[in-house]
Amino acid sequence: MKFLALLVAFAFWGSFAQAQTAFNSKTGGHCFTMLVPDYLDKTYDLNDVADLQYYNAEKNVYAIVIHDYKDQLKELEMEFSGPKQFLTDFTDEYQADAEDRKMTDIQEFMVGENKFAQTEMTWKTEEGYLFMLITTVETAGHFYKILTWTGIDNVATFKEDFQKMARSLKD
């Protein structure tokens, strides 16, 4: 009988000890939204780390979005003062060796609570000149790179869509 009473006491003691353990809710993954034109189709072949990837090969139009957690960047000792510095860090090396590479001055603006920095880049490839609108976005916990591109001949047709896409990002 003493053994049974001791067994019951240990059972209650174990559940009491568990009840004292503190738990915190953690979020896995990350959700954000961005407007994408109907003429673009989802793909997975443009970039290995992109969260969103869209294209239309017929129209020669492409778009990718890559996000970075601010806390992970900080752990890697990569702290940025804002989206302009994040953009500059990227564009300093992106297509740096490309023939006839040109970049516009960086424009900074706000949409809601989010801070944006944006530049246009062109460079020569074997197929002709490419145009890319590069936008970085800073939110409370993330930095985003939005890369949208097409052939230089399509800029007048798609540049406004690229700008609308970039400005629509929300997390």
Protein backbone atom coordinates (compact mmCIF):
# COMPACT_ATOMS: atom_id res chain seq x y z
CA MET A 1 0.00 0.00 0.00
CA LYS A 2 2.86 2.36 0.79
CA PHE A 3 4.27 1.63 -2.66
CA LEU A 4 0.97 2.60 -4.35
CA ALA A 5 0.75 5.82 -2.31
CA LEU A 6 4.33 6.67 -3.22
CA LEU A 7 3.64 5.98 -6.92
CA VAL A 8 0.57 8.29 -6.87
CA ALA A 9 2.57 11.00 -5.09
CA PHE A 10 5.32 10.85 -7.74
CA ALA A 11 2.73 11.02 -10.52
CA PHE A 12 1.22 14.20 -9.06
CA TRP A 13 4.63 15.65 -8.36
CA GLY A 14 5.67 15.09 -12.02
CA SER A 15 2.56 16.81 -13.37
CA PHE A 16 3.01 19.65 -10.88
CA ALA A 17 6.60 20.15 -12.09
CA GLN A 18 5.41 20.26 -15.72
CA ALA A 19 2.75 22.82 -14.91
CA GLN A 20 5.49 25.18 -13.69
CA THR A 21 7.33 25.20 -17.05
CA ALA A 22 6.93 28.47 -18.93
CA PHE A 23 6.13 28.42 -22.64
CA ASN A 24 6.21 31.23 -25.19
CA SER A 25 4.47 31.31 -28.55
CA LYS A 26 6.88 31.39 -31.50
CA THR A 27 6.07 32.07 -35.13
CA GLY A 28 7.50 29.88 -37.87
CA GLY A 29 7.97 31.15 -41.37
CA HIS A 30 7.00 34.57 -42.61
CA CYS A 31 3.99 35.94 -44.46
CA PHE A 32 3.89 39.03 -46.66
CA THR A 33 1.85 40.15 -49.64
CA MET A 34 2.57 41.94 -52.89
CA LEU A 35 0.45 42.73 -55.92
CA VAL A 36 1.50 40.82 -59.05
CA PRO A 37 0.11 41.50 -62.56
CA ASP A 38 -2.06 38.77 -64.05
CA TYR A 39 0.29 38.33 -67.01
CA LEU A 40 3.02 36.93 -64.72
CA ASP A 41 3.13 33.24 -63.84
CA LYS A 42 4.62 31.71 -60.70
CA THR A 43 7.90 29.89 -61.12
CA TYR A 44 10.62 28.37 -58.95
CA ASP A 45 13.52 28.54 -61.39
CA LEU A 46 14.76 32.14 -61.22
CA ASN A 47 16.51 32.22 -57.85
CA ASP A 48 17.30 29.63 -55.16
CA VAL A 49 16.45 31.88 -52.19
CA ALA A 50 13.58 34.01 -53.54
CA ASP A 51 10.30 33.90 -51.63
CA LEU A 52 8.26 34.96 -54.66
CA GLN A 53 9.24 34.39 -58.30
CA TYR A 54 7.17 35.34 -61.33
CA TYR A 55 7.83 35.54 -65.04
CA ASN A 56 6.43 35.79 -68.53
CA ALA A 57 9.02 34.51 -70.99
CA GLU A 58 6.95 35.64 -73.96
CA LYS A 59 6.91 39.25 -72.72
CA ASN A 60 10.46 38.95 -71.29
CA VAL A 61 9.34 40.12 -67.81
CA TYR A 62 10.64 38.77 -64.49
CA ALA A 63 10.20 39.50 -60.79
CA ILE A 64 11.62 38.08 -57.56
CA VAL A 65 11.35 39.00 -53.89
CA ILE A 66 13.91 38.01 -51.26
CA HIS A 67 13.42 38.77 -47.58
CA ASP A 68 15.89 38.89 -44.71
CA TYR A 69 15.08 38.89 -41.01
CA LYS A 70 16.67 41.88 -39.28
CA ASP A 71 17.58 39.79 -36.22
CA GLN A 72 19.38 37.21 -38.41
CA LEU A 73 21.27 39.95 -40.21
CA LYS A 74 22.26 41.42 -36.84
CA GLU A 75 23.57 38.03 -35.67
CA LEU A 76 25.69 37.97 -38.84
CA GLU A 77 26.95 41.46 -37.92
CA MET A 78 25.17 42.94 -40.93
CA GLU A 79 23.26 45.90 -39.54
CA PHE A 80 21.78 48.46 -41.92
CA SER A 81 20.69 51.99 -41.07
CA GLY A 82 17.77 51.71 -43.48
CA PRO A 83 16.66 50.56 -46.93
CA LYS A 84 19.09 52.87 -48.75
CA GLN A 85 22.11 51.30 -47.09
CA PHE A 86 20.62 47.83 -47.69
CA LEU A 87 20.17 48.73 -51.38
CA THR A 88 23.65 50.19 -51.71
CA ASP A 89 25.18 47.09 -50.10
CA PHE A 90 23.46 44.98 -52.76
CA THR A 91 24.04 47.20 -55.80
CA ASP A 92 27.73 47.78 -55.04
CA GLU A 93 28.38 44.21 -56.15
CA TYR A 94 25.38 43.26 -58.31
CA GLN A 95 26.40 43.09 -61.98
CA ALA A 96 29.50 45.11 -61.04
CA ASP A 97 31.52 43.67 -63.92
CA ALA A 98 28.74 43.92 -66.51
CA GLU A 99 29.45 45.84 -69.68
CA ASP A 100 27.97 49.35 -69.84
CA ARG A 101 26.37 49.09 -66.38
CA LYS A 102 24.48 52.23 -65.34
CA MET A 103 22.47 53.04 -62.23
CA THR A 104 20.23 55.99 -61.37
CA ASP A 105 20.37 57.93 -58.11
CA ILE A 106 18.61 56.17 -55.26
CA GLN A 107 15.13 57.47 -54.46
CA GLU A 108 13.79 57.10 -50.92
CA PHE A 109 10.10 57.17 -49.98
CA MET A 110 7.53 55.86 -47.50
CA VAL A 111 4.40 53.81 -48.12
CA GLY A 112 2.43 53.49 -44.91
CA GLU A 113 4.87 52.51 -42.17
CA ASN A 114 7.38 50.97 -44.58
CA LYS A 115 10.55 52.69 -45.78
CA PHE A 116 11.61 52.19 -49.41
CA ALA A 117 14.73 52.82 -51.49
CA GLN A 118 14.73 52.34 -55.25
CA THR A 119 17.06 52.57 -58.22
CA GLU A 120 17.07 51.63 -61.88
CA MET A 121 19.93 49.69 -63.38
CA THR A 122 20.78 48.84 -66.98
CA TRP A 123 23.58 46.73 -68.41
CA LYS A 124 24.56 45.01 -71.61
CA THR A 125 24.22 41.24 -72.06
CA GLU A 126 24.82 38.97 -75.05
CA GLU A 127 21.10 39.24 -75.89
CA GLY A 128 20.95 43.04 -75.55
CA TYR A 129 20.41 45.55 -72.77
CA LEU A 130 18.46 44.70 -69.62
CA PHE A 131 16.54 47.08 -67.40
CA MET A 132 16.02 46.29 -63.71
CA LEU A 133 14.06 48.19 -61.09
CA ILE A 134 15.65 47.35 -57.74
CA THR A 135 13.64 48.20 -54.64
CA THR A 136 14.48 47.57 -51.02
CA VAL A 137 11.87 47.77 -48.29
CA GLU A 138 12.35 48.04 -44.54
CA THR A 139 9.54 46.87 -42.27
CA ALA A 140 9.54 46.44 -38.50
CA GLY A 141 11.31 43.07 -38.63
CA HIS A 142 12.53 42.58 -42.19
CA PHE A 143 14.41 43.89 -45.18
CA TYR A 144 13.20 42.95 -48.66
CA LYS A 145 14.82 43.09 -52.09
CA ILE A 146 12.39 43.30 -54.99
CA LEU A 147 14.01 42.78 -58.38
CA THR A 148 11.89 43.31 -61.49
CA TRP A 149 13.44 43.25 -64.94
CA THR A 150 12.89 43.17 -68.69
CA GLY A 151 14.63 44.03 -71.94
CA ILE A 152 15.40 47.71 -72.43
CA ASP A 153 12.83 47.92 -75.26
CA ASN A 154 10.03 47.01 -72.82
CA VAL A 155 10.72 49.65 -70.16
CA ALA A 156 7.92 52.00 -71.26
CA THR A 157 5.44 49.12 -71.20
CA PHE A 158 6.32 47.57 -67.83
CA LYS A 159 8.07 50.15 -65.62
CA GLU A 160 4.82 51.42 -64.09
CA ASP A 161 3.79 47.83 -63.26
CA PHE A 162 7.19 47.22 -61.64
CA GLN A 163 6.76 50.32 -59.48
CA LYS A 164 3.22 49.34 -58.47
CA MET A 165 4.38 45.84 -57.51
CA ALA A 166 7.21 47.16 -55.34
CA ARG A 167 5.07 49.77 -53.57
CA SER A 168 2.41 47.18 -52.74
CA LEU A 169 4.59 44.98 -50.49
CA LYS A 170 3.14 44.56 -46.98
CA ASP A 171 3.98 42.27 -44.09
